[in-house]
Amino acid sequence: MLSFKQFDFPPGQDFVPSKETKNFWLYTKKSKRTFSGVVLPGLFETVGYPTQMLAFFAIIILEIVPTIYGIDQGVLWQAILAAIFIDIFLAVVSHIWHDSICRYRNELVNTDEPVLKEALRRKINRCLWYTYFFYVLILSSGILKFYFFYDAYMTPDAIAGAVLVCYLLGALLHVAYTGYFLYTSRFNYKIQSEYSRYVSSGGVKFKDQTGKVAQPLFLDGNIFQVEPTSSGNHHIFQDESGRPFLETSGVLTDNELANLIVRQSYNVQGLVARVGLKRQMEILQTN
């Protein structure tokens, strides 16, 4: 059920994951994209999953090898084993605020009022401080595991140095990858499970209830030339009067939005990016 890449919504199908699963998407790693000065922080996207998986298994090796050696030296292995599970728990807890961070960063893009922008920045910083606090605990746990080892080993040699490096490197990898790996694995399972239920029900369960939504690309009477184009189930088109619209159906992923944007002239890419992100945030809130 797990996939190394983000889920691709098949064109022509009307599958839409549940609101819970869409919100779980926010915990996964994103990549920034810039379009004529507008920076999209990422919303409906998942990147780096293979690296996260490899890093997680590397952590297991970095934790187990020195622990096995420490057992031969009389280390209290129960204490180190407990610390290893605590590291994983702390990594999971440290990731709790990533959905809020992702949401606030995306809200910043279409927020022009200075006071509201400052309020969002403060919310982001507060969530980051909570996250960093648990990162410090993870690093402290790595040092604690080395203390358990050294308390039994009592020899400041290359082996002790190697054990210290293993535990500290494992802690750093926990900080950088474990939360993303575990939450992304959960997200992949949830969306693949819902898609399987959509297919097995003949397209009844998790069927898009919203339908096509068309909204003008430019407000305040401004009209810019756009290139009619499509990506997945989504389109940019002009009506009979020449007014440009963005039409979406189901989830507008970051890749699909980027495909729509890059086919436009540079001077309108930023405007299209902001309208597209606004529509993505609306999709995030729908069931």
C-alpha atoms as a PDB file:
ATOM      1  CA  MET A   1       0.000   0.000   0.000  1.00  0.00           C
ATOM      2  CA  LEU A   2       2.967   2.355   0.467  1.00  0.00           C
ATOM      3  CA  SER A   3       4.460   4.264  -2.456  1.00  0.00           C
ATOM      4  CA  PHE A   4       7.772   6.045  -2.869  1.00  0.00           C
ATOM      5  CA  LYS A   5       6.135   8.947  -4.699  1.00  0.00           C
ATOM      6  CA  GLN A   6       3.162  11.173  -4.113  1.00  0.00           C
ATOM      7  CA  PHE A   7      -0.274   9.931  -5.091  1.00  0.00           C
ATOM      8  CA  ASP A   8      -1.296  10.849  -8.632  1.00  0.00           C
ATOM      9  CA  PHE A   9      -4.997  11.485  -9.137  1.00  0.00           C
ATOM     10  CA  PRO A  10      -5.988   9.629 -12.337  1.00  0.00           C
ATOM     11  CA  PRO A  11      -7.390  12.071 -14.949  1.00  0.00           C
ATOM     12  CA  GLY A  12     -11.059  11.609 -15.632  1.00  0.00           C
ATOM     13  CA  GLN A  13     -11.797  10.129 -12.204  1.00  0.00           C
ATOM     14  CA  ASP A  14     -13.603  12.016  -9.459  1.00  0.00           C
ATOM     15  CA  PHE A  15     -11.832  10.515  -6.431  1.00  0.00           C
ATOM     16  CA  VAL A  16     -11.283  12.938  -3.553  1.00  0.00           C
ATOM     17  CA  PRO A  17      -9.773  11.790  -0.232  1.00  0.00           C
ATOM     18  CA  SER A  18     -11.488  12.593   3.037  1.00  0.00           C
ATOM     19  CA  LYS A  19     -10.890  15.907   4.770  1.00  0.00           C
ATOM     20  CA  GLU A  20      -8.929  14.071   7.476  1.00  0.00           C
ATOM     21  CA  THR A  21      -6.562  12.573   4.897  1.00  0.00           C
ATOM     22  CA  LYS A  22      -6.152  15.888   3.077  1.00  0.00           C
ATOM     23  CA  ASN A  23      -5.202  17.529   6.363  1.00  0.00           C
ATOM     24  CA  PHE A  24      -2.767  14.673   7.091  1.00  0.00           C
ATOM     25  CA  TRP A  25      -1.082  15.648   3.816  1.00  0.00           C
ATOM     26  CA  LEU A  26       0.180  18.797   5.534  1.00  0.00           C
ATOM     27  CA  TYR A  27       2.547  16.749   7.720  1.00  0.00           C
ATOM     28  CA  THR A  28       4.528  15.547   4.695  1.00  0.00           C
ATOM     29  CA  LYS A  29       7.611  17.275   3.328  1.00  0.00           C
ATOM     30  CA  LYS A  30       7.088  20.026   0.726  1.00  0.00           C
ATOM     31  CA  SER A  31       9.224  21.894  -1.807  1.00  0.00           C
ATOM     32  CA  LYS A  32       8.999  25.614  -2.472  1.00  0.00           C
ATOM     33  CA  ARG A  33       8.213  26.934  -5.930  1.00  0.00           C
ATOM     34  CA  THR A  34       8.606  30.549  -7.063  1.00  0.00           C
ATOM     35  CA  PHE A  35       6.567  32.103  -9.868  1.00  0.00           C
ATOM     36  CA  SER A  36       7.356  35.717 -10.827  1.00  0.00           C
ATOM     37  CA  GLY A  37       8.093  36.665  -7.226  1.00  0.00           C
ATOM     38  CA  VAL A  38       5.315  34.639  -5.574  1.00  0.00           C
ATOM     39  CA  VAL A  39       6.681  31.824  -3.413  1.00  0.00           C
ATOM     40  CA  LEU A  40       4.402  28.837  -2.929  1.00  0.00           C
ATOM     41  CA  PRO A  41       5.552  26.904   0.177  1.00  0.00           C
ATOM     42  CA  GLY A  42       3.824  23.667  -0.880  1.00  0.00           C
ATOM     43  CA  LEU A  43       0.476  22.188   0.132  1.00  0.00           C
ATOM     44  CA  PHE A  44      -0.776  19.123  -1.781  1.00  0.00           C
ATOM     45  CA  GLU A  45       2.608  17.554  -2.303  1.00  0.00           C
ATOM     46  CA  THR A  46       4.887  14.907  -0.814  1.00  0.00           C
ATOM     47  CA  VAL A  47       8.626  14.839  -1.536  1.00  0.00           C
ATOM     48  CA  GLY A  48      11.661  12.990  -0.205  1.00  0.00           C
ATOM     49  CA  TYR A  49       9.942   9.818   0.992  1.00  0.00           C
ATOM     50  CA  PRO A  50      12.611   7.369  -0.269  1.00  0.00           C
ATOM     51  CA  THR A  51      15.307   9.401   1.510  1.00  0.00           C
ATOM     52  CA  GLN A  52      13.248   9.465   4.690  1.00  0.00           C
ATOM     53  CA  MET A  53      12.834   5.684   4.587  1.00  0.00           C
ATOM     54  CA  LEU A  54      16.555   5.083   4.022  1.00  0.00           C
ATOM     55  CA  ALA A  55      17.415   7.505   6.834  1.00  0.00           C
ATOM     56  CA  PHE A  56      15.055   5.723   9.219  1.00  0.00           C
ATOM     57  CA  PHE A  57      16.673   2.348   8.571  1.00  0.00           C
ATOM     58  CA  ALA A  58      20.109   3.969   8.894  1.00  0.00           C
ATOM     59  CA  ILE A  59      19.027   5.242  12.330  1.00  0.00           C
ATOM     60  CA  ILE A  60      18.108   1.713  13.384  1.00  0.00           C
ATOM     61  CA  ILE A  61      21.574   0.503  12.413  1.00  0.00           C
ATOM     62  CA  LEU A  62      23.269   3.434  14.137  1.00  0.00           C
ATOM     63  CA  GLU A  63      21.290   2.699  17.297  1.00  0.00           C
ATOM     64  CA  ILE A  64      21.536  -1.099  17.331  1.00  0.00           C
ATOM     65  CA  VAL A  65      25.237  -1.620  16.508  1.00  0.00           C
ATOM     66  CA  PRO A  66      26.694   0.373  19.434  1.00  0.00           C
ATOM     67  CA  THR A  67      23.976  -0.970  21.723  1.00  0.00           C
ATOM     68  CA  ILE A  68      24.918  -4.579  20.935  1.00  0.00           C
ATOM     69  CA  TYR A  69      28.570  -3.767  21.534  1.00  0.00           C
ATOM     70  CA  GLY A  70      27.654  -1.981  24.756  1.00  0.00           C
ATOM     71  CA  ILE A  71      25.809  -5.034  26.049  1.00  0.00           C
ATOM     72  CA  ASP A  72      29.083  -6.991  25.830  1.00  0.00           C
ATOM     73  CA  GLN A  73      30.699  -4.278  27.934  1.00  0.00           C
ATOM     74  CA  GLY A  74      28.073  -4.501  30.647  1.00  0.00           C
ATOM     75  CA  VAL A  75      25.849  -1.623  29.561  1.00  0.00           C
ATOM     76  CA  LEU A  76      22.357  -1.626  31.016  1.00  0.00           C
ATOM     77  CA  TRP A  77      20.707  -2.413  27.665  1.00  0.00           C
ATOM     78  CA  GLN A  78      17.190  -1.874  28.974  1.00  0.00           C
ATOM     79  CA  ALA A  79      18.005   1.789  29.553  1.00  0.00           C
ATOM     80  CA  ILE A  80      19.403   2.261  26.033  1.00  0.00           C
ATOM     81  CA  LEU A  81      16.477   0.387  24.464  1.00  0.00           C
ATOM     82  CA  ALA A  82      14.061   2.605  26.359  1.00  0.00           C
ATOM     83  CA  ALA A  83      15.962   5.676  25.151  1.00  0.00           C
ATOM     84  CA  ILE A  84      15.696   4.462  21.542  1.00  0.00           C
ATOM     85  CA  PHE A  85      11.913   4.168  21.789  1.00  0.00           C
ATOM     86  CA  ILE A  86      11.797   7.542  23.521  1.00  0.00           C
ATOM     87  CA  ASP A  87      13.674   9.055  20.554  1.00  0.00           C
ATOM     88  CA  ILE A  88      11.030   7.765  18.141  1.00  0.00           C
ATOM     89  CA  PHE A  89       8.259   9.030  20.418  1.00  0.00           C
ATOM     90  CA  LEU A  90       9.878  12.475  20.644  1.00  0.00           C
ATOM     91  CA  ALA A  91      10.296  12.588  16.864  1.00  0.00           C
ATOM     92  CA  VAL A  92       6.582  11.872  16.448  1.00  0.00           C
ATOM     93  CA  VAL A  93       5.617  14.508  19.025  1.00  0.00           C
ATOM     94  CA  SER A  94       7.971  17.108  17.520  1.00  0.00           C
ATOM     95  CA  HIS A  95       6.109  16.739  14.214  1.00  0.00           C
ATOM     96  CA  ILE A  96       2.678  17.523  15.664  1.00  0.00           C
ATOM     97  CA  TRP A  97       2.889  21.221  14.730  1.00  0.00           C
ATOM     98  CA  HIS A  98       4.001  20.712  11.126  1.00  0.00           C
ATOM     99  CA  ASP A  99       0.441  20.797   9.799  1.00  0.00           C
ATOM    100  CA  SER A 100      -0.148  24.197  11.405  1.00  0.00           C
ATOM    101  CA  ILE A 101       3.197  25.496  10.134  1.00  0.00           C
ATOM    102  CA  CYS A 102       2.331  24.369   6.607  1.00  0.00           C
ATOM    103  CA  ARG A 103      -1.131  25.911   6.775  1.00  0.00           C
ATOM    104  CA  TYR A 104       0.082  29.271   8.154  1.00  0.00           C
ATOM    105  CA  ARG A 105       2.861  29.530   5.555  1.00  0.00           C
ATOM    106  CA  ASN A 106       0.340  29.018   2.781  1.00  0.00           C
ATOM    107  CA  GLU A 107      -2.075  31.517   4.308  1.00  0.00           C
ATOM    108  CA  LEU A 108       0.738  34.110   4.298  1.00  0.00           C
ATOM    109  CA  VAL A 109       0.916  34.039   0.495  1.00  0.00           C
ATOM    110  CA  ASN A 110      -2.537  35.569   0.042  1.00  0.00           C
ATOM    111  CA  THR A 111      -2.495  37.773   3.140  1.00  0.00           C
ATOM    112  CA  ASP A 112      -1.772  41.410   2.313  1.00  0.00           C
ATOM    113  CA  GLU A 113      -2.761  43.132   5.562  1.00  0.00           C
ATOM    114  CA  PRO A 114       0.482  43.809   7.535  1.00  0.00           C
ATOM    115  CA  VAL A 115      -1.102  43.092  10.925  1.00  0.00           C
ATOM    116  CA  LEU A 116      -2.513  39.769   9.755  1.00  0.00           C
ATOM    117  CA  LYS A 117       0.828  38.843   8.181  1.00  0.00           C
ATOM    118  CA  GLU A 118       2.606  39.563  11.458  1.00  0.00           C
ATOM    119  CA  ALA A 119       0.051  37.486  13.364  1.00  0.00           C
ATOM    120  CA  LEU A 120       0.664  34.521  11.043  1.00  0.00           C
ATOM    121  CA  ARG A 121       4.445  34.883  11.380  1.00  0.00           C
ATOM    122  CA  ARG A 122       4.130  34.803  15.161  1.00  0.00           C
ATOM    123  CA  LYS A 123       1.990  31.668  14.980  1.00  0.00           C
ATOM    124  CA  ILE A 124       4.624  30.029  12.782  1.00  0.00           C
ATOM    125  CA  ASN A 125       7.423  30.998  15.157  1.00  0.00           C
ATOM    126  CA  ARG A 126       5.487  29.694  18.154  1.00  0.00           C
ATOM    127  CA  CYS A 127       4.963  26.323  16.449  1.00  0.00           C
ATOM    128  CA  LEU A 128       8.632  26.217  15.470  1.00  0.00           C
ATOM    129  CA  TRP A 129       9.720  26.823  19.061  1.00  0.00           C
ATOM    130  CA  TYR A 130       7.587  23.897  20.239  1.00  0.00           C
ATOM    131  CA  THR A 131       9.182  21.750  17.547  1.00  0.00           C
ATOM    132  CA  TYR A 132      12.725  22.879  18.389  1.00  0.00           C
ATOM    133  CA  PHE A 133      12.158  22.091  22.054  1.00  0.00           C
ATOM    134  CA  PHE A 134      11.570  18.440  21.227  1.00  0.00           C
ATOM    135  CA  TYR A 135      14.535  18.469  18.848  1.00  0.00           C
ATOM    136  CA  VAL A 136      16.717  19.462  21.802  1.00  0.00           C
ATOM    137  CA  LEU A 137      15.254  16.576  23.805  1.00  0.00           C
ATOM    138  CA  ILE A 138      16.117  14.152  20.996  1.00  0.00           C
ATOM    139  CA  LEU A 139      19.729  15.372  20.911  1.00  0.00           C
ATOM    140  CA  SER A 140      19.877  15.146  24.700  1.00  0.00           C
ATOM    141  CA  SER A 141      18.645  11.572  24.488  1.00  0.00           C
ATOM    142  CA  GLY A 142      21.522  10.749  22.143  1.00  0.00           C
ATOM    143  CA  ILE A 143      23.984  12.105  24.670  1.00  0.00           C
ATOM    144  CA  LEU A 144      22.228  10.171  27.433  1.00  0.00           C
ATOM    145  CA  LYS A 145      22.607   6.898  25.536  1.00  0.00           C
ATOM    146  CA  PHE A 146      26.323   7.582  25.186  1.00  0.00           C
ATOM    147  CA  TYR A 147      26.498   8.265  28.921  1.00  0.00           C
ATOM    148  CA  PHE A 148      24.977   4.844  29.632  1.00  0.00           C
ATOM    149  CA  PHE A 149      27.585   3.271  27.347  1.00  0.00           C
ATOM    150  CA  TYR A 150      30.538   5.204  28.736  1.00  0.00           C
ATOM    151  CA  ASP A 151      29.502   4.591  32.332  1.00  0.00           C
ATOM    152  CA  ALA A 152      30.156   0.892  31.693  1.00  0.00           C
ATOM    153  CA  TYR A 153      33.001   1.207  29.153  1.00  0.00           C
ATOM    154  CA  MET A 154      35.073   3.861  30.988  1.00  0.00           C
ATOM    155  CA  THR A 155      37.751   4.091  28.277  1.00  0.00           C
ATOM    156  CA  PRO A 156      38.217   7.291  26.210  1.00  0.00           C
ATOM    157  CA  ASP A 157      39.362   5.604  22.994  1.00  0.00           C
ATOM    158  CA  ALA A 158      38.317   5.410  19.327  1.00  0.00           C
ATOM    159  CA  ILE A 159      35.512   2.972  20.116  1.00  0.00           C
ATOM    160  CA  ALA A 160      33.974   5.384  22.586  1.00  0.00           C
ATOM    161  CA  GLY A 161      34.285   8.151  19.992  1.00  0.00           C
ATOM    162  CA  ALA A 162      32.616   5.986  17.339  1.00  0.00           C
ATOM    163  CA  VAL A 163      29.740   5.174  19.690  1.00  0.00           C
ATOM    164  CA  LEU A 164      29.279   8.882  20.434  1.00  0.00           C
ATOM    165  CA  VAL A 165      29.207   9.662  16.707  1.00  0.00           C
ATOM    166  CA  CYS A 166      26.652   6.887  16.087  1.00  0.00           C
ATOM    167  CA  TYR A 167      24.276   8.117  18.773  1.00  0.00           C
ATOM    168  CA  LEU A 168      24.598  11.809  17.830  1.00  0.00           C
ATOM    169  CA  LEU A 169      24.239  11.103  14.111  1.00  0.00           C
ATOM    170  CA  GLY A 170      21.208   8.950  14.877  1.00  0.00           C
ATOM    171  CA  ALA A 171      19.711  11.823  16.876  1.00  0.00           C
ATOM    172  CA  LEU A 172      20.302  14.281  14.013  1.00  0.00           C
ATOM    173  CA  LEU A 173      18.670  11.898  11.550  1.00  0.00           C
ATOM    174  CA  HIS A 174      15.728  11.525  13.928  1.00  0.00           C
ATOM    175  CA  VAL A 175      15.320  15.299  13.896  1.00  0.00           C
ATOM    176  CA  ALA A 176      15.549  15.585  10.113  1.00  0.00           C
ATOM    177  CA  TYR A 177      13.699  12.495   8.901  1.00  0.00           C
ATOM    178  CA  THR A 178      11.858  10.300  11.416  1.00  0.00           C
ATOM    179  CA  GLY A 179       8.795  12.509  11.852  1.00  0.00           C
ATOM    180  CA  TYR A 180       8.416  12.981   8.113  1.00  0.00           C
ATOM    181  CA  PHE A 181       8.896   9.260   7.443  1.00  0.00           C
ATOM    182  CA  LEU A 182       6.320   8.059   9.980  1.00  0.00           C
ATOM    183  CA  TYR A 183       3.697  10.693   9.140  1.00  0.00           C
ATOM    184  CA  THR A 184       4.206  10.269   5.387  1.00  0.00           C
ATOM    185  CA  SER A 185       3.879   6.494   5.735  1.00  0.00           C
ATOM    186  CA  ARG A 186       0.605   7.020   7.551  1.00  0.00           C
ATOM    187  CA  PHE A 187      -0.622   9.475   4.918  1.00  0.00           C
ATOM    188  CA  ASN A 188       0.322   7.137   2.061  1.00  0.00           C
ATOM    189  CA  TYR A 189      -1.560   4.301   3.737  1.00  0.00           C
ATOM    190  CA  LYS A 190      -4.645   6.444   4.303  1.00  0.00           C
ATOM    191  CA  ILE A 191      -4.925   7.849   0.781  1.00  0.00           C
ATOM    192  CA  GLN A 192      -4.167   4.508  -0.895  1.00  0.00           C
ATOM    193  CA  SER A 193      -6.768   2.817   1.339  1.00  0.00           C
ATOM    194  CA  GLU A 194      -9.406   5.394   0.445  1.00  0.00           C
ATOM    195  CA  TYR A 195      -8.603   5.115  -3.253  1.00  0.00           C
ATOM    196  CA  SER A 196      -8.928   1.323  -3.053  1.00  0.00           C
ATOM    197  CA  ARG A 197     -12.352   1.764  -1.441  1.00  0.00           C
ATOM    198  CA  TYR A 198     -13.272   4.250  -4.181  1.00  0.00           C
ATOM    199  CA  VAL A 199     -12.333   1.714  -6.876  1.00  0.00           C
ATOM    200  CA  SER A 200     -13.978  -1.292  -5.169  1.00  0.00           C
ATOM    201  CA  SER A 201     -17.220   0.680  -4.694  1.00  0.00           C
ATOM    202  CA  GLY A 202     -17.372   1.550  -8.369  1.00  0.00           C
ATOM    203  CA  GLY A 203     -16.597   5.192  -7.728  1.00  0.00           C
ATOM    204  CA  VAL A 204     -19.297   5.717  -5.093  1.00  0.00           C
ATOM    205  CA  LYS A 205     -17.237   6.090  -1.926  1.00  0.00           C
ATOM    206  CA  PHE A 206     -14.963   9.165  -1.792  1.00  0.00           C
ATOM    207  CA  LYS A 207     -16.617  10.532  -4.908  1.00  0.00           C
ATOM    208  CA  ASP A 208     -16.162  14.269  -5.492  1.00  0.00           C
ATOM    209  CA  GLN A 209     -19.292  16.018  -4.234  1.00  0.00           C
ATOM    210  CA  THR A 210     -18.270  19.522  -5.287  1.00  0.00           C
ATOM    211  CA  GLY A 211     -17.931  19.104  -9.041  1.00  0.00           C
ATOM    212  CA  LYS A 212     -16.264  21.644 -11.291  1.00  0.00           C
ATOM    213  CA  VAL A 213     -15.526  25.021  -9.752  1.00  0.00           C
ATOM    214  CA  ALA A 214     -14.637  27.952 -12.019  1.00  0.00           C
ATOM    215  CA  GLN A 215     -13.406  31.248 -10.640  1.00  0.00           C
ATOM    216  CA  PRO A 216     -12.027  34.356 -12.372  1.00  0.00           C
ATOM    217  CA  LEU A 217      -8.266  34.608 -12.446  1.00  0.00           C
ATOM    218  CA  PHE A 218      -8.155  38.387 -12.217  1.00  0.00           C
ATOM    219  CA  LEU A 219     -10.292  40.719 -10.127  1.00  0.00           C
ATOM    220  CA  ASP A 220     -10.851  44.499 -10.072  1.00  0.00           C
ATOM    221  CA  GLY A 221     -11.569  44.559 -13.790  1.00  0.00           C
ATOM    222  CA  ASN A 222      -7.987  43.731 -14.760  1.00  0.00           C
ATOM    223  CA  ILE A 223      -7.726  41.514 -17.810  1.00  0.00           C
ATOM    224  CA  PHE A 224      -4.464  39.841 -18.796  1.00  0.00           C
ATOM    225  CA  GLN A 225      -3.752  37.548 -21.683  1.00  0.00           C
ATOM    226  CA  VAL A 226      -3.589  33.901 -20.590  1.00  0.00           C
ATOM    227  CA  GLU A 227      -2.802  30.656 -22.367  1.00  0.00           C
ATOM    228  CA  PRO A 228      -5.720  28.189 -22.241  1.00  0.00           C
ATOM    229  CA  THR A 229      -4.298  24.950 -20.864  1.00  0.00           C
ATOM    230  CA  SER A 230      -5.130  21.814 -18.882  1.00  0.00           C
ATOM    231  CA  SER A 231      -3.441  19.712 -16.210  1.00  0.00           C
ATOM    232  CA  GLY A 232      -5.196  16.600 -14.923  1.00  0.00           C
ATOM    233  CA  ASN A 233      -8.840  17.515 -14.367  1.00  0.00           C
ATOM    234  CA  HIS A 234      -8.111  21.248 -14.131  1.00  0.00           C
ATOM    235  CA  HIS A 235      -8.210  23.964 -16.771  1.00  0.00           C
ATOM    236  CA  ILE A 236      -7.453  27.584 -17.507  1.00  0.00           C
ATOM    237  CA  PHE A 237      -9.803  28.952 -20.142  1.00  0.00           C
ATOM    238  CA  GLN A 238     -11.393  32.163 -21.411  1.00  0.00           C
ATOM    239  CA  ASP A 239     -15.117  32.677 -21.671  1.00  0.00           C
ATOM    240  CA  GLU A 240     -16.879  34.232 -24.660  1.00  0.00           C
ATOM    241  CA  SER A 241     -16.021  37.734 -23.494  1.00  0.00           C
ATOM    242  CA  GLY A 242     -12.337  36.841 -23.124  1.00  0.00           C
ATOM    243  CA  ARG A 243     -12.418  36.750 -19.337  1.00  0.00           C
ATOM    244  CA  PRO A 244      -9.954  34.125 -17.995  1.00  0.00           C
ATOM    245  CA  PHE A 245     -10.998  31.492 -15.454  1.00  0.00           C
ATOM    246  CA  LEU A 246      -9.382  28.735 -13.423  1.00  0.00           C
ATOM    247  CA  GLU A 247     -11.583  25.631 -13.356  1.00  0.00           C
ATOM    248  CA  THR A 248     -10.815  22.849 -10.888  1.00  0.00           C
ATOM    249  CA  SER A 249     -12.338  19.441 -10.317  1.00  0.00           C
ATOM    250  CA  GLY A 250     -11.338  17.488  -7.222  1.00  0.00           C
ATOM    251  CA  VAL A 251      -7.924  18.047  -5.631  1.00  0.00           C
ATOM    252  CA  LEU A 252      -5.582  20.493  -7.360  1.00  0.00           C
ATOM    253  CA  THR A 253      -2.123  19.114  -6.525  1.00  0.00           C
ATOM    254  CA  ASP A 254       0.997  21.267  -6.442  1.00  0.00           C
ATOM    255  CA  ASN A 255       2.363  19.619  -9.595  1.00  0.00           C
ATOM    256  CA  GLU A 256      -0.887  20.219 -11.456  1.00  0.00           C
ATOM    257  CA  LEU A 257      -0.989  23.848 -10.348  1.00  0.00           C
ATOM    258  CA  ALA A 258       2.657  24.321 -11.360  1.00  0.00           C
ATOM    259  CA  ASN A 259       1.899  22.884 -14.815  1.00  0.00           C
ATOM    260  CA  LEU A 260      -0.911  25.406 -15.254  1.00  0.00           C
ATOM    261  CA  ILE A 261       1.273  28.299 -14.093  1.00  0.00           C
ATOM    262  CA  VAL A 262       4.442  27.693 -16.111  1.00  0.00           C
ATOM    263  CA  ARG A 263       2.493  27.683 -19.385  1.00  0.00           C
ATOM    264  CA  GLN A 264       1.511  31.314 -18.765  1.00  0.00           C
ATOM    265  CA  SER A 265       3.579  34.393 -19.546  1.00  0.00           C
ATOM    266  CA  TYR A 266       5.929  35.484 -16.771  1.00  0.00           C
ATOM    267  CA  ASN A 267       3.999  38.651 -15.899  1.00  0.00           C
ATOM    268  CA  VAL A 268       0.845  36.708 -14.924  1.00  0.00           C
ATOM    269  CA  GLN A 269       2.405  33.607 -13.333  1.00  0.00           C
ATOM    270  CA  GLY A 270       2.399  35.126  -9.843  1.00  0.00           C
ATOM    271  CA  LEU A 271      -1.260  36.119 -10.122  1.00  0.00           C
ATOM    272  CA  VAL A 272      -2.254  32.654 -11.306  1.00  0.00           C
ATOM    273  CA  ALA A 273      -0.193  31.120  -8.474  1.00  0.00           C
ATOM    274  CA  ARG A 274      -2.048  33.113  -5.831  1.00  0.00           C
ATOM    275  CA  VAL A 275      -5.483  32.282  -7.251  1.00  0.00           C
ATOM    276  CA  GLY A 276      -4.509  28.618  -7.554  1.00  0.00           C
ATOM    277  CA  LEU A 277      -3.293  28.484  -3.955  1.00  0.00           C
ATOM    278  CA  LYS A 278      -6.469  30.184  -2.775  1.00  0.00           C
ATOM    279  CA  ARG A 279      -8.466  27.441  -4.489  1.00  0.00           C
ATOM    280  CA  GLN A 280      -6.223  24.765  -2.942  1.00  0.00           C
ATOM    281  CA  MET A 281      -6.926  26.157   0.537  1.00  0.00           C
ATOM    282  CA  GLU A 282     -10.662  25.986  -0.191  1.00  0.00           C
ATOM    283  CA  ILE A 283     -10.293  22.353  -1.318  1.00  0.00           C
ATOM    284  CA  LEU A 284      -8.423  21.574   1.899  1.00  0.00           C
ATOM    285  CA  GLN A 285     -11.446  22.647   3.940  1.00  0.00           C
ATOM    286  CA  THR A 286     -14.063  20.675   2.007  1.00  0.00           C
ATOM    287  CA  ASN A 287     -15.222  17.169   2.892  1.00  0.00           C
END
